[in-house]
Amino acid sequence: MLLSSLAALGFLGSILMMFRFSKYCRLLNKRWELDRETADRYQAGAQRSLAAMGALLGGCVAAIILKALIS
């Protein structure tokens, strides 16, 4: 039960990080309207969102594999 919940939370968290990443990408598409510091800040936010999404998906996959091995 715990591993199933962990997998579900990891999957939902990764979806939320995908939305956050897409928000930063949309903001960066208007890069010509942004000053350099704001664009760098948005790019750093996009990179953090992408890293968090990868970590959450990795945890989700690990929980699914552990659940299969334990069962």
PDB file of N, CA and C in Angstrom:
ATOM      1  N   MET A   1       0.824  -1.197   0.000  1.00  0.00           N
ATOM      2  CA  MET A   1       0.000   0.000   0.000  1.00  0.00           C
ATOM      3  C   MET A   1       0.864   1.255   0.000  1.00  0.00           C
ATOM      4  N   LEU A   2       1.916   1.246   0.791  1.00  0.00           N
ATOM      5  CA  LEU A   2       2.779   2.418   0.881  1.00  0.00           C
ATOM      6  C   LEU A   2       3.488   2.688  -0.446  1.00  0.00           C
ATOM      7  N   LEU A   3       3.976   1.643  -1.095  1.00  0.00           N
ATOM      8  CA  LEU A   3       4.669   1.832  -2.371  1.00  0.00           C
ATOM      9  C   LEU A   3       3.712   2.278  -3.466  1.00  0.00           C
ATOM     10  N   SER A   4       2.475   1.814  -3.424  1.00  0.00           N
ATOM     11  CA  SER A   4       1.480   2.258  -4.408  1.00  0.00           C
ATOM     12  C   SER A   4       1.175   3.733  -4.230  1.00  0.00           C
ATOM     13  N   SER A   5       1.041   4.150  -2.987  1.00  0.00           N
ATOM     14  CA  SER A   5       0.792   5.572  -2.709  1.00  0.00           C
ATOM     15  C   SER A   5       1.980   6.423  -3.120  1.00  0.00           C
ATOM     16  N   LEU A   6       3.181   5.913  -2.857  1.00  0.00           N
ATOM     17  CA  LEU A   6       4.387   6.638  -3.239  1.00  0.00           C
ATOM     18  C   LEU A   6       4.493   6.784  -4.753  1.00  0.00           C
ATOM     19  N   ALA A   7       4.147   5.735  -5.483  1.00  0.00           N
ATOM     20  CA  ALA A   7       4.175   5.794  -6.947  1.00  0.00           C
ATOM     21  C   ALA A   7       3.141   6.792  -7.468  1.00  0.00           C
ATOM     22  N   ALA A   8       1.953   6.775  -6.877  1.00  0.00           N
ATOM     23  CA  ALA A   8       0.903   7.704  -7.314  1.00  0.00           C
ATOM     24  C   ALA A   8       1.288   9.149  -7.014  1.00  0.00           C
ATOM     25  N   LEU A   9       1.830   9.397  -5.828  1.00  0.00           N
ATOM     26  CA  LEU A   9       2.248  10.763  -5.490  1.00  0.00           C
ATOM     27  C   LEU A   9       3.398  11.232  -6.370  1.00  0.00           C
ATOM     28  N   GLY A  10       4.327  10.333  -6.681  1.00  0.00           N
ATOM     29  CA  GLY A  10       5.420  10.695  -7.576  1.00  0.00           C
ATOM     30  C   GLY A  10       4.926  11.038  -8.966  1.00  0.00           C
ATOM     31  N   PHE A  11       3.960  10.273  -9.444  1.00  0.00           N
ATOM     32  CA  PHE A  11       3.405  10.544 -10.774  1.00  0.00           C
ATOM     33  C   PHE A  11       2.654  11.875 -10.798  1.00  0.00           C
ATOM     34  N   LEU A  12       1.824  12.122  -9.779  1.00  0.00           N
ATOM     35  CA  LEU A  12       1.093  13.395  -9.723  1.00  0.00           C
ATOM     36  C   LEU A  12       2.032  14.578  -9.552  1.00  0.00           C
ATOM     37  N   GLY A  13       3.062  14.405  -8.737  1.00  0.00           N
ATOM     38  CA  GLY A  13       4.037  15.475  -8.570  1.00  0.00           C
ATOM     39  C   GLY A  13       4.776  15.780  -9.860  1.00  0.00           C
ATOM     40  N   SER A  14       5.088  14.749 -10.632  1.00  0.00           N
ATOM     41  CA  SER A  14       5.783  14.980 -11.898  1.00  0.00           C
ATOM     42  C   SER A  14       4.886  15.712 -12.890  1.00  0.00           C
ATOM     43  N   ILE A  15       3.585  15.435 -12.846  1.00  0.00           N
ATOM     44  CA  ILE A  15       2.656  16.164 -13.714  1.00  0.00           C
ATOM     45  C   ILE A  15       2.637  17.636 -13.345  1.00  0.00           C
ATOM     46  N   LEU A  16       2.615  17.930 -12.048  1.00  0.00           N
ATOM     47  CA  LEU A  16       2.637  19.331 -11.611  1.00  0.00           C
ATOM     48  C   LEU A  16       3.936  20.021 -12.030  1.00  0.00           C
ATOM     49  N   MET A  17       5.047  19.312 -11.955  1.00  0.00           N
ATOM     50  CA  MET A  17       6.318  19.895 -12.387  1.00  0.00           C
ATOM     51  C   MET A  17       6.341  20.114 -13.896  1.00  0.00           C
ATOM     52  N   MET A  18       5.659  19.254 -14.657  1.00  0.00           N
ATOM     53  CA  MET A  18       5.557  19.467 -16.107  1.00  0.00           C
ATOM     54  C   MET A  18       4.801  20.747 -16.413  1.00  0.00           C
ATOM     55  N   PHE A  19       3.735  21.006 -15.658  1.00  0.00           N
ATOM     56  CA  PHE A  19       2.994  22.255 -15.854  1.00  0.00           C
ATOM     57  C   PHE A  19       3.864  23.460 -15.511  1.00  0.00           C
ATOM     58  N   ARG A  20       4.634  23.350 -14.436  1.00  0.00           N
ATOM     59  CA  ARG A  20       5.505  24.450 -14.046  1.00  0.00           C
ATOM     60  C   ARG A  20       6.594  24.671 -15.097  1.00  0.00           C
ATOM     61  N   PHE A  21       7.163  23.579 -15.622  1.00  0.00           N
ATOM     62  CA  PHE A  21       8.174  23.687 -16.671  1.00  0.00           C
ATOM     63  C   PHE A  21       7.599  24.348 -17.918  1.00  0.00           C
ATOM     64  N   SER A  22       6.374  23.974 -18.290  1.00  0.00           N
ATOM     65  CA  SER A  22       5.765  24.573 -19.481  1.00  0.00           C
ATOM     66  C   SER A  22       5.494  26.065 -19.262  1.00  0.00           C
ATOM     67  N   LYS A  23       5.172  26.451 -18.021  1.00  0.00           N
ATOM     68  CA  LYS A  23       4.966  27.873 -17.730  1.00  0.00           C
ATOM     69  C   LYS A  23       6.253  28.658 -17.961  1.00  0.00           C
ATOM     70  N   TYR A  24       7.367  28.133 -17.460  1.00  0.00           N
ATOM     71  CA  TYR A  24       8.645  28.811 -17.660  1.00  0.00           C
ATOM     72  C   TYR A  24       9.039  28.829 -19.130  1.00  0.00           C
ATOM     73  N   CYS A  25       8.731  27.773 -19.862  1.00  0.00           N
ATOM     74  CA  CYS A  25       9.045  27.757 -21.296  1.00  0.00           C
ATOM     75  C   CYS A  25       8.234  28.801 -22.054  1.00  0.00           C
ATOM     76  N   ARG A  26       6.955  28.942 -21.693  1.00  0.00           N
ATOM     77  CA  ARG A  26       6.139  29.976 -22.344  1.00  0.00           C
ATOM     78  C   ARG A  26       6.677  31.361 -22.040  1.00  0.00           C
ATOM     79  N   LEU A  27       7.117  31.582 -20.799  1.00  0.00           N
ATOM     80  CA  LEU A  27       7.681  32.882 -20.452  1.00  0.00           C
ATOM     81  C   LEU A  27       8.992  33.128 -21.188  1.00  0.00           C
ATOM     82  N   LEU A  28       9.777  32.080 -21.373  1.00  0.00           N
ATOM     83  CA  LEU A  28      11.050  32.243 -22.064  1.00  0.00           C
ATOM     84  C   LEU A  28      10.878  32.421 -23.565  1.00  0.00           C
ATOM     85  N   ASN A  29       9.738  32.012 -24.118  1.00  0.00           N
ATOM     86  CA  ASN A  29       9.487  32.248 -25.541  1.00  0.00           C
ATOM     87  C   ASN A  29       9.348  33.727 -25.844  1.00  0.00           C
ATOM     88  N   LYS A  30       9.021  34.515 -24.830  1.00  0.00           N
ATOM     89  CA  LYS A  30       8.949  35.976 -24.979  1.00  0.00           C
ATOM     90  C   LYS A  30      10.265  36.611 -24.542  1.00  0.00           C
ATOM     91  N   ARG A  31      11.356  35.910 -24.799  1.00  0.00           N
ATOM     92  CA  ARG A  31      12.666  36.315 -24.293  1.00  0.00           C
ATOM     93  C   ARG A  31      13.082  37.702 -24.768  1.00  0.00           C
ATOM     94  N   TRP A  32      12.693  38.087 -25.979  1.00  0.00           N
ATOM     95  CA  TRP A  32      13.094  39.395 -26.500  1.00  0.00           C
ATOM     96  C   TRP A  32      12.455  40.532 -25.710  1.00  0.00           C
ATOM     97  N   GLU A  33      11.389  40.248 -24.967  1.00  0.00           N
ATOM     98  CA  GLU A  33      10.748  41.273 -24.144  1.00  0.00           C
ATOM     99  C   GLU A  33      11.310  41.312 -22.726  1.00  0.00           C
ATOM    100  N   LEU A  34      12.152  40.335 -22.364  1.00  0.00           N
ATOM    101  CA  LEU A  34      12.677  40.226 -21.010  1.00  0.00           C
ATOM    102  C   LEU A  34      14.080  40.797 -20.926  1.00  0.00           C
ATOM    103  N   ASP A  35      14.411  41.344 -19.748  1.00  0.00           N
ATOM    104  CA  ASP A  35      15.801  41.720 -19.552  1.00  0.00           C
ATOM    105  C   ASP A  35      16.625  40.466 -19.213  1.00  0.00           C
ATOM    106  N   ARG A  36      17.925  40.598 -19.218  1.00  0.00           N
ATOM    107  CA  ARG A  36      18.825  39.440 -19.091  1.00  0.00           C
ATOM    108  C   ARG A  36      18.650  38.720 -17.744  1.00  0.00           C
ATOM    109  N   GLU A  37      18.518  39.479 -16.643  1.00  0.00           N
ATOM    110  CA  GLU A  37      18.409  38.856 -15.319  1.00  0.00           C
ATOM    111  C   GLU A  37      17.110  38.066 -15.175  1.00  0.00           C
ATOM    112  N   THR A  38      16.019  38.607 -15.707  1.00  0.00           N
ATOM    113  CA  THR A  38      14.737  37.908 -15.623  1.00  0.00           C
ATOM    114  C   THR A  38      14.763  36.634 -16.458  1.00  0.00           C
ATOM    115  N   ALA A  39      15.353  36.710 -17.640  1.00  0.00           N
ATOM    116  CA  ALA A  39      15.447  35.528 -18.496  1.00  0.00           C
ATOM    117  C   ALA A  39      16.307  34.453 -17.837  1.00  0.00           C
ATOM    118  N   ASP A  40      17.401  34.859 -17.195  1.00  0.00           N
ATOM    119  CA  ASP A  40      18.243  33.882 -16.496  1.00  0.00           C
ATOM    120  C   ASP A  40      17.498  33.250 -15.328  1.00  0.00           C
ATOM    121  N   ARG A  41      16.710  34.049 -14.615  1.00  0.00           N
ATOM    122  CA  ARG A  41      15.933  33.530 -13.489  1.00  0.00           C
ATOM    123  C   ARG A  41      14.873  32.541 -13.963  1.00  0.00           C
ATOM    124  N   TYR A  42      14.200  32.849 -15.072  1.00  0.00           N
ATOM    125  CA  TYR A  42      13.203  31.930 -15.627  1.00  0.00           C
ATOM    126  C   TYR A  42      13.853  30.644 -16.121  1.00  0.00           C
ATOM    127  N   GLN A  43      15.031  30.766 -16.726  1.00  0.00           N
ATOM    128  CA  GLN A  43      15.728  29.580 -17.219  1.00  0.00           C
ATOM    129  C   GLN A  43      16.159  28.693 -16.056  1.00  0.00           C
ATOM    130  N   ALA A  44      16.626  29.296 -14.969  1.00  0.00           N
ATOM    131  CA  ALA A  44      17.000  28.505 -13.791  1.00  0.00           C
ATOM    132  C   ALA A  44      15.772  27.818 -13.193  1.00  0.00           C
ATOM    133  N   GLY A  45      14.642  28.497 -13.179  1.00  0.00           N
ATOM    134  CA  GLY A  45      13.404  27.885 -12.691  1.00  0.00           C
ATOM    135  C   GLY A  45      12.966  26.718 -13.555  1.00  0.00           C
ATOM    136  N   ALA A  46      13.126  26.869 -14.864  1.00  0.00           N
ATOM    137  CA  ALA A  46      12.773  25.776 -15.777  1.00  0.00           C
ATOM    138  C   ALA A  46      13.685  24.576 -15.553  1.00  0.00           C
ATOM    139  N   GLN A  47      14.970  24.823 -15.337  1.00  0.00           N
ATOM    140  CA  GLN A  47      15.892  23.721 -15.089  1.00  0.00           C
ATOM    141  C   GLN A  47      15.582  23.012 -13.779  1.00  0.00           C
ATOM    142  N   ARG A  48      15.229  23.775 -12.742  1.00  0.00           N
ATOM    143  CA  ARG A  48      14.855  23.155 -11.460  1.00  0.00           C
ATOM    144  C   ARG A  48      13.585  22.336 -11.606  1.00  0.00           C
ATOM    145  N   SER A  49      12.616  22.840 -12.353  1.00  0.00           N
ATOM    146  CA  SER A  49      11.373  22.102 -12.561  1.00  0.00           C
ATOM    147  C   SER A  49      11.625  20.811 -13.321  1.00  0.00           C
ATOM    148  N   LEU A  50      12.484  20.869 -14.320  1.00  0.00           N
ATOM    149  CA  LEU A  50      12.804  19.674 -15.100  1.00  0.00           C
ATOM    150  C   LEU A  50      13.538  18.642 -14.248  1.00  0.00           C
ATOM    151  N   ALA A  51      14.447  19.103 -13.392  1.00  0.00           N
ATOM    152  CA  ALA A  51      15.163  18.178 -12.508  1.00  0.00           C
ATOM    153  C   ALA A  51      14.213  17.551 -11.494  1.00  0.00           C
ATOM    154  N   ALA A  52      13.305  18.341 -10.944  1.00  0.00           N
ATOM    155  CA  ALA A  52      12.336  17.801  -9.986  1.00  0.00           C
ATOM    156  C   ALA A  52      11.411  16.799 -10.660  1.00  0.00           C
ATOM    157  N   MET A  53      11.003  17.093 -11.881  1.00  0.00           N
ATOM    158  CA  MET A  53      10.144  16.166 -12.615  1.00  0.00           C
ATOM    159  C   MET A  53      10.860  14.844 -12.847  1.00  0.00           C
ATOM    160  N   GLY A  54      12.123  14.888 -13.228  1.00  0.00           N
ATOM    161  CA  GLY A  54      12.890  13.663 -13.430  1.00  0.00           C
ATOM    162  C   GLY A  54      13.061  12.870 -12.150  1.00  0.00           C
ATOM    163  N   ALA A  55      13.308  13.562 -11.049  1.00  0.00           N
ATOM    164  CA  ALA A  55      13.466  12.869  -9.766  1.00  0.00           C
ATOM    165  C   ALA A  55      12.165  12.217  -9.332  1.00  0.00           C
ATOM    166  N   LEU A  56      11.053  12.906  -9.502  1.00  0.00           N
ATOM    167  CA  LEU A  56       9.767  12.335  -9.118  1.00  0.00           C
ATOM    168  C   LEU A  56       9.392  11.144  -9.990  1.00  0.00           C
ATOM    169  N   LEU A  57       9.655  11.246 -11.294  1.00  0.00           N
ATOM    170  CA  LEU A  57       9.377  10.102 -12.164  1.00  0.00           C
ATOM    171  C   LEU A  57      10.303   8.930 -11.862  1.00  0.00           C
ATOM    172  N   GLY A  58      11.547   9.221 -11.538  1.00  0.00           N
ATOM    173  CA  GLY A  58      12.472   8.157 -11.153  1.00  0.00           C
ATOM    174  C   GLY A  58      12.023   7.464  -9.879  1.00  0.00           C
ATOM    175  N   GLY A  59      11.547   8.232  -8.903  1.00  0.00           N
ATOM    176  CA  GLY A  59      11.020   7.645  -7.682  1.00  0.00           C
ATOM    177  C   GLY A  59       9.777   6.821  -7.940  1.00  0.00           C
ATOM    178  N   CYS A  60       8.962   7.282  -8.859  1.00  0.00           N
ATOM    179  CA  CYS A  60       7.743   6.546  -9.224  1.00  0.00           C
ATOM    180  C   CYS A  60       8.107   5.198  -9.843  1.00  0.00           C
ATOM    181  N   VAL A  61       9.051   5.200 -10.759  1.00  0.00           N
ATOM    182  CA  VAL A  61       9.477   3.962 -11.401  1.00  0.00           C
ATOM    183  C   VAL A  61      10.132   3.025 -10.381  1.00  0.00           C
ATOM    184  N   ALA A  62      10.937   3.588  -9.494  1.00  0.00           N
ATOM    185  CA  ALA A  62      11.579   2.770  -8.462  1.00  0.00           C
ATOM    186  C   ALA A  62      10.539   2.129  -7.545  1.00  0.00           C
ATOM    187  N   ALA A  63       9.507   2.876  -7.185  1.00  0.00           N
ATOM    188  CA  ALA A  63       8.455   2.328  -6.323  1.00  0.00           C
ATOM    189  C   ALA A  63       7.687   1.213  -7.037  1.00  0.00           C
ATOM    190  N   ILE A  64       7.447   1.382  -8.330  1.00  0.00           N
ATOM    191  CA  ILE A  64       6.744   0.343  -9.091  1.00  0.00           C
ATOM    192  C   ILE A  64       7.594  -0.921  -9.186  1.00  0.00           C
ATOM    193  N   ILE A  65       8.893  -0.755  -9.433  1.00  0.00           N
ATOM    194  CA  ILE A  65       9.782  -1.910  -9.519  1.00  0.00           C
ATOM    195  C   ILE A  65       9.892  -2.615  -8.157  1.00  0.00           C
ATOM    196  N   LEU A  66      10.024  -1.838  -7.084  1.00  0.00           N
ATOM    197  CA  LEU A  66      10.083  -2.453  -5.753  1.00  0.00           C
ATOM    198  C   LEU A  66       8.791  -3.189  -5.412  1.00  0.00           C
ATOM    199  N   LYS A  67       7.681  -2.600  -5.785  1.00  0.00           N
ATOM    200  CA  LYS A  67       6.393  -3.244  -5.535  1.00  0.00           C
ATOM    201  C   LYS A  67       6.306  -4.574  -6.279  1.00  0.00           C
ATOM    202  N   ALA A  68       6.796  -4.587  -7.523  1.00  0.00           N
ATOM    203  CA  ALA A  68       6.760  -5.830  -8.307  1.00  0.00           C
ATOM    204  C   ALA A  68       7.700  -6.885  -7.715  1.00  0.00           C
ATOM    205  N   LEU A  69       8.847  -6.456  -7.209  1.00  0.00           N
ATOM    206  CA  LEU A  69       9.795  -7.395  -6.635  1.00  0.00           C
ATOM    207  C   LEU A  69       9.300  -7.954  -5.307  1.00  0.00           C
ATOM    208  N   ILE A  70       8.643  -7.136  -4.527  1.00  0.00           N
ATOM    209  CA  ILE A  70       8.155  -7.573  -3.217  1.00  0.00           C
ATOM    210  C   ILE A  70       6.960  -8.502  -3.363  1.00  0.00           C
ATOM    211  N   SER A  71       6.111  -8.250  -4.336  1.00  0.00           N
ATOM    212  CA  SER A  71       4.887  -9.061  -4.499  1.00  0.00           C
ATOM    213  C   SER A  71       5.177 -10.481  -4.906  1.00  0.00           C
TER     214      SER A  71
END
